[in-house]
Amino acid sequence: MKNDHDASGGTADGRTRDRVVRQLLEGGSATAADLSRQLGVSPAGIRRHLDAMVADGIITPIESRSRQPRGRGRPARHYALTEAGHQAGPSAYSDLAAGALRFLAEVGGPSAVSQFADSRASDLERRVRSAVVAAEPEDRPAALAEAMTAAGYTASVSELPTGLQICQHHCPVQFVAERFPALCDAETAALARVLDTHVQRLATIAHGDGVCTTHIPATADQDPASEAASPSCPPSPSSEGSAP
């Protein structure tokens, strides 16, 4: 691993923090150890950057929902972008991705974009399926949320009289999904396949909502056309400020 040679220069500090923002934009939440390994910055150096970014309101610590017992010493802390962090993130990545999909639509038509969205959703499905099928049926929504958190979506479960809601507090492709809603549609279909039941997307970050909310009816035969539930997810970690 490389040493954090940029620790002494303000301009270099900015470059490292831009890389942290980009990594969180692409992957969602991450621990200091994750970022240290991914960016090639020393553990002490990455912690210094993260502390400064928390103080500046760019990122915020979030609670880890891992069920694994914690070892001795300081527990691992996950970090996610705040709203300000999303706005300050580098736009080149989003512009490039959106441009690539626009080109794909022009060359291959809307069906090509849909195929890409389906492929990406299928990849998410493969990443979370084993954790879901290993859980008891009543525990599968929680297992899905935990697996999605590990995949960068910072997900949780809320309980309603009409069923459950999967609450995704982070969208790794938010800026692209704003222009290509097929990404959201394909992801919703993937969640339905993983849970083997009807689900209904009630809100999305890409459409301006604070949280992506997916409703899971209390019973599989519940009429989807019955009275729709309202999103009741807790606020996104990115809207809770930068306090630890």
Protein backbone atom coordinates (compact mmCIF):
# COMPACT_ATOMS: atom_id res chain seq x y z
CA MET A 1 0.00 0.00 0.00
CA LYS A 2 1.25 3.46 -0.77
CA ASN A 3 2.00 5.99 1.90
CA ASP A 4 -0.24 9.04 2.14
CA HIS A 5 2.31 11.32 0.47
CA ASP A 6 -0.34 13.97 -0.18
CA ALA A 7 -1.00 14.60 3.49
CA SER A 8 0.99 17.83 3.59
CA GLY A 9 -0.34 19.70 0.57
CA GLY A 10 -3.69 21.45 0.41
CA THR A 11 -4.10 20.83 -3.32
CA ALA A 12 -3.16 17.18 -2.92
CA ASP A 13 -5.57 16.94 0.04
CA GLY A 14 -8.32 18.16 -2.25
CA ARG A 15 -7.47 15.53 -4.86
CA THR A 16 -7.63 12.75 -2.26
CA ARG A 17 -10.97 13.99 -0.95
CA ASP A 18 -12.32 14.18 -4.50
CA ARG A 19 -11.33 10.54 -4.87
CA VAL A 20 -13.15 9.69 -1.63
CA VAL A 21 -16.27 11.44 -2.92
CA ARG A 22 -16.04 9.61 -6.24
CA GLN A 23 -15.63 6.27 -4.48
CA LEU A 24 -18.70 6.89 -2.32
CA LEU A 25 -20.69 8.08 -5.34
CA GLU A 26 -19.91 4.84 -7.13
CA GLY A 27 -20.08 2.40 -4.23
CA GLY A 28 -22.23 3.95 -1.52
CA SER A 29 -21.08 3.68 2.09
CA ALA A 30 -17.61 2.44 3.03
CA THR A 31 -15.39 2.04 6.06
CA ALA A 32 -12.09 3.82 6.54
CA ALA A 33 -10.35 0.49 5.93
CA ASP A 34 -12.25 0.03 2.66
CA LEU A 35 -11.26 3.50 1.43
CA SER A 36 -7.66 3.10 2.58
CA ARG A 37 -7.36 -0.10 0.54
CA GLN A 38 -9.27 1.16 -2.51
CA LEU A 39 -7.43 4.50 -2.75
CA GLY A 40 -3.98 3.37 -1.65
CA VAL A 41 -3.88 5.84 1.26
CA SER A 42 -2.46 4.91 4.65
CA PRO A 43 -4.99 4.13 7.43
CA ALA A 44 -3.86 7.18 9.42
CA GLY A 45 -4.03 9.39 6.34
CA ILE A 46 -7.52 8.28 5.31
CA ARG A 47 -8.84 8.83 8.83
CA ARG A 48 -7.48 12.37 8.77
CA HIS A 49 -9.25 13.05 5.48
CA LEU A 50 -12.50 11.50 6.69
CA ASP A 51 -12.48 13.52 9.92
CA ALA A 52 -12.00 16.72 7.91
CA MET A 53 -14.76 15.79 5.46
CA VAL A 54 -17.17 15.04 8.32
CA ALA A 55 -16.36 18.43 9.82
CA ASP A 56 -17.03 20.07 6.45
CA GLY A 57 -20.39 18.33 6.09
CA ILE A 58 -19.35 16.38 2.98
CA ILE A 59 -19.74 12.92 4.53
CA THR A 60 -21.43 11.54 7.62
CA PRO A 61 -20.85 8.42 9.74
CA ILE A 62 -23.74 5.96 9.58
CA GLU A 63 -24.65 3.02 11.76
CA SER A 64 -23.49 -0.34 10.48
CA ARG A 65 -26.30 -2.88 10.39
CA SER A 66 -24.01 -5.89 10.26
CA ARG A 67 -25.14 -8.76 12.50
CA GLN A 68 -21.60 -10.07 12.84
CA PRO A 69 -20.17 -9.81 16.37
CA ARG A 70 -17.69 -6.99 16.74
CA GLY A 71 -14.17 -7.76 17.74
CA ARG A 72 -12.12 -5.95 20.31
CA GLY A 73 -11.07 -2.39 19.70
CA ARG A 74 -12.75 0.47 17.91
CA PRO A 75 -15.80 -0.72 15.89
CA ALA A 76 -15.76 -0.18 12.14
CA ARG A 77 -17.65 2.94 11.11
CA HIS A 78 -19.24 3.40 7.70
CA TYR A 79 -19.29 6.72 5.89
CA ALA A 80 -21.78 8.01 3.31
CA LEU A 81 -22.13 11.25 1.38
CA THR A 82 -24.37 13.97 2.73
CA GLU A 83 -26.63 15.97 0.41
CA ALA A 84 -23.88 18.56 0.18
CA GLY A 85 -21.42 15.81 -0.65
CA HIS A 86 -23.58 14.63 -3.53
CA GLN A 87 -23.82 18.16 -4.88
CA ALA A 88 -20.07 18.68 -4.53
CA GLY A 89 -19.21 15.38 -6.19
CA PRO A 90 -17.33 15.33 -9.49
CA SER A 91 -19.77 15.62 -12.39
CA ALA A 92 -17.49 14.11 -15.04
CA TYR A 93 -18.34 10.53 -14.03
CA SER A 94 -22.09 11.14 -14.17
CA ASP A 95 -21.84 13.09 -17.40
CA LEU A 96 -19.79 10.31 -19.00
CA ALA A 97 -22.22 7.60 -17.89
CA ALA A 98 -25.24 9.59 -19.05
CA GLY A 99 -23.53 10.35 -22.35
CA ALA A 100 -22.74 6.67 -22.88
CA LEU A 101 -26.37 5.73 -22.34
CA ARG A 102 -27.57 8.50 -24.64
CA PHE A 103 -25.25 7.14 -27.33
CA LEU A 104 -26.50 3.61 -26.66
CA ALA A 105 -30.10 4.83 -27.06
CA GLU A 106 -29.25 6.59 -30.32
CA VAL A 107 -27.44 3.58 -31.77
CA GLY A 108 -29.53 0.73 -30.41
CA GLY A 109 -32.81 2.40 -29.50
CA PRO A 110 -34.68 2.34 -26.18
CA SER A 111 -34.54 -1.46 -26.08
CA ALA A 112 -30.75 -1.31 -25.83
CA VAL A 113 -30.98 0.90 -22.75
CA SER A 114 -33.54 -1.49 -21.26
CA GLN A 115 -31.24 -4.42 -21.89
CA PHE A 116 -28.38 -2.59 -20.17
CA ALA A 117 -30.63 -1.76 -17.21
CA ASP A 118 -31.76 -5.39 -16.98
CA SER A 119 -28.15 -6.58 -17.06
CA ARG A 120 -27.15 -4.23 -14.28
CA ALA A 121 -30.17 -5.24 -12.17
CA SER A 122 -29.39 -8.91 -12.73
CA ASP A 123 -25.89 -8.28 -11.40
CA LEU A 124 -27.37 -6.78 -8.21
CA GLU A 125 -29.71 -9.77 -7.99
CA ARG A 126 -26.77 -12.18 -8.15
CA ARG A 127 -24.93 -10.25 -5.43
CA VAL A 128 -27.78 -10.36 -2.91
CA ARG A 129 -29.64 -13.59 -3.72
CA SER A 130 -27.54 -16.01 -1.68
CA ALA A 131 -27.99 -13.97 1.51
CA VAL A 132 -31.75 -13.73 0.96
CA VAL A 133 -32.44 -17.39 0.17
CA ALA A 134 -30.37 -18.47 3.17
CA ALA A 135 -32.70 -16.57 5.54
CA GLU A 136 -36.05 -17.73 6.88
CA PRO A 137 -38.95 -16.39 4.80
CA GLU A 138 -39.97 -13.83 7.41
CA ASP A 139 -36.37 -12.59 7.67
CA ARG A 140 -35.72 -12.23 3.93
CA PRO A 141 -36.59 -8.51 3.59
CA ALA A 142 -34.12 -7.71 6.38
CA ALA A 143 -31.53 -9.99 4.80
CA LEU A 144 -32.07 -8.23 1.48
CA ALA A 145 -31.61 -4.81 3.09
CA GLU A 146 -28.39 -5.95 4.75
CA ALA A 147 -27.05 -7.40 1.49
CA MET A 148 -27.96 -4.21 -0.37
CA THR A 149 -26.14 -2.16 2.26
CA ALA A 150 -23.05 -4.28 1.64
CA ALA A 151 -23.52 -3.54 -2.08
CA GLY A 152 -23.54 0.22 -1.45
CA TYR A 153 -27.24 1.07 -1.18
CA THR A 154 -27.41 1.80 2.59
CA ALA A 155 -30.75 -0.01 2.94
CA SER A 156 -33.05 -0.68 5.88
CA VAL A 157 -36.53 -2.08 6.52
CA SER A 158 -39.58 -0.24 7.86
CA GLU A 159 -42.73 -2.01 9.04
CA LEU A 160 -46.24 -0.86 8.07
CA PRO A 161 -49.75 -2.23 8.68
CA THR A 162 -49.87 -3.07 4.97
CA GLY A 163 -46.51 -4.82 4.87
CA LEU A 164 -42.86 -3.82 4.81
CA GLN A 165 -40.80 -1.22 3.02
CA ILE A 166 -37.25 -1.54 1.80
CA CYS A 167 -35.68 1.89 2.27
CA GLN A 168 -32.61 2.66 0.14
CA HIS A 169 -30.84 5.73 1.46
CA HIS A 170 -28.27 5.85 -1.34
CA CYS A 171 -28.47 5.40 -5.11
CA PRO A 172 -25.08 4.72 -6.74
CA VAL A 173 -26.45 5.81 -10.14
CA GLN A 174 -28.69 8.66 -9.02
CA PHE A 175 -27.66 11.21 -11.63
CA VAL A 176 -27.92 8.75 -14.53
CA ALA A 177 -31.22 7.27 -13.30
CA GLU A 178 -32.72 10.77 -13.35
CA ARG A 179 -32.36 10.66 -17.15
CA PHE A 180 -32.96 6.93 -17.66
CA PRO A 181 -35.74 5.63 -15.37
CA ALA A 182 -35.33 2.17 -16.92
CA LEU A 183 -32.55 1.67 -14.36
CA CYS A 184 -35.04 2.10 -11.49
CA ASP A 185 -37.66 -0.10 -13.18
CA ALA A 186 -35.17 -2.93 -13.72
CA GLU A 187 -33.93 -2.70 -10.13
CA THR A 188 -37.51 -2.96 -8.82
CA ALA A 189 -38.10 -6.06 -10.94
CA ALA A 190 -34.90 -7.60 -9.57
CA LEU A 191 -36.06 -7.05 -5.97
CA ALA A 192 -39.36 -8.73 -6.79
CA ARG A 193 -37.51 -11.74 -8.22
CA VAL A 194 -35.22 -12.04 -5.22
CA LEU A 195 -38.14 -11.91 -2.76
CA ASP A 196 -40.39 -13.95 -5.06
CA THR A 197 -43.33 -11.63 -4.48
CA HIS A 198 -44.98 -8.54 -5.89
CA VAL A 199 -43.31 -5.28 -4.84
CA GLN A 200 -44.21 -1.68 -5.62
CA ARG A 201 -41.75 1.21 -5.92
CA LEU A 202 -43.28 4.20 -4.13
CA ALA A 203 -40.45 6.73 -4.30
CA THR A 204 -36.99 7.11 -5.80
CA ILE A 205 -34.02 9.35 -5.13
CA ALA A 206 -33.67 9.79 -8.88
CA HIS A 207 -37.12 11.41 -9.00
CA GLY A 208 -36.29 13.85 -6.21
CA ASP A 209 -37.41 11.84 -3.17
CA GLY A 210 -35.12 11.56 -0.17
CA VAL A 211 -35.18 7.76 -0.12
CA CYS A 212 -35.90 4.99 -2.62
CA THR A 213 -38.90 3.19 -1.12
CA THR A 214 -40.09 -0.25 -2.20
CA HIS A 215 -43.30 -1.64 -0.66
CA ILE A 216 -43.64 -5.37 0.04
CA PRO A 217 -47.30 -6.35 0.66
CA ALA A 218 -48.13 -8.22 3.86
CA THR A 219 -49.44 -11.13 1.80
CA ALA A 220 -48.40 -12.25 -1.65
CA ASP A 221 -52.02 -12.22 -2.87
CA GLN A 222 -52.71 -8.67 -1.72
CA ASP A 223 -54.26 -6.67 -4.54
CA PRO A 224 -51.62 -4.23 -5.85
CA ALA A 225 -54.47 -1.91 -6.84
CA SER A 226 -55.73 -1.68 -3.25
CA GLU A 227 -55.07 1.39 -1.16
CA ALA A 228 -51.42 2.24 -1.70
CA ALA A 229 -49.11 2.69 1.23
CA SER A 230 -47.29 5.96 1.66
CA PRO A 231 -43.51 6.03 1.98
CA SER A 232 -42.57 5.91 5.66
CA CYS A 233 -38.84 5.35 5.56
CA PRO A 234 -36.67 7.15 8.11
CA PRO A 235 -34.67 10.10 6.82
CA SER A 236 -31.64 9.35 4.70
CA PRO A 237 -28.35 9.45 6.64
CA SER A 238 -27.28 12.17 4.24
CA SER A 239 -30.06 14.43 5.53
CA GLU A 240 -29.20 14.02 9.19
CA GLY A 241 -26.26 16.38 9.17
CA SER A 242 -22.64 15.57 9.75
CA ALA A 243 -22.63 14.92 13.44
CA PRO A 244 -21.30 11.45 14.41
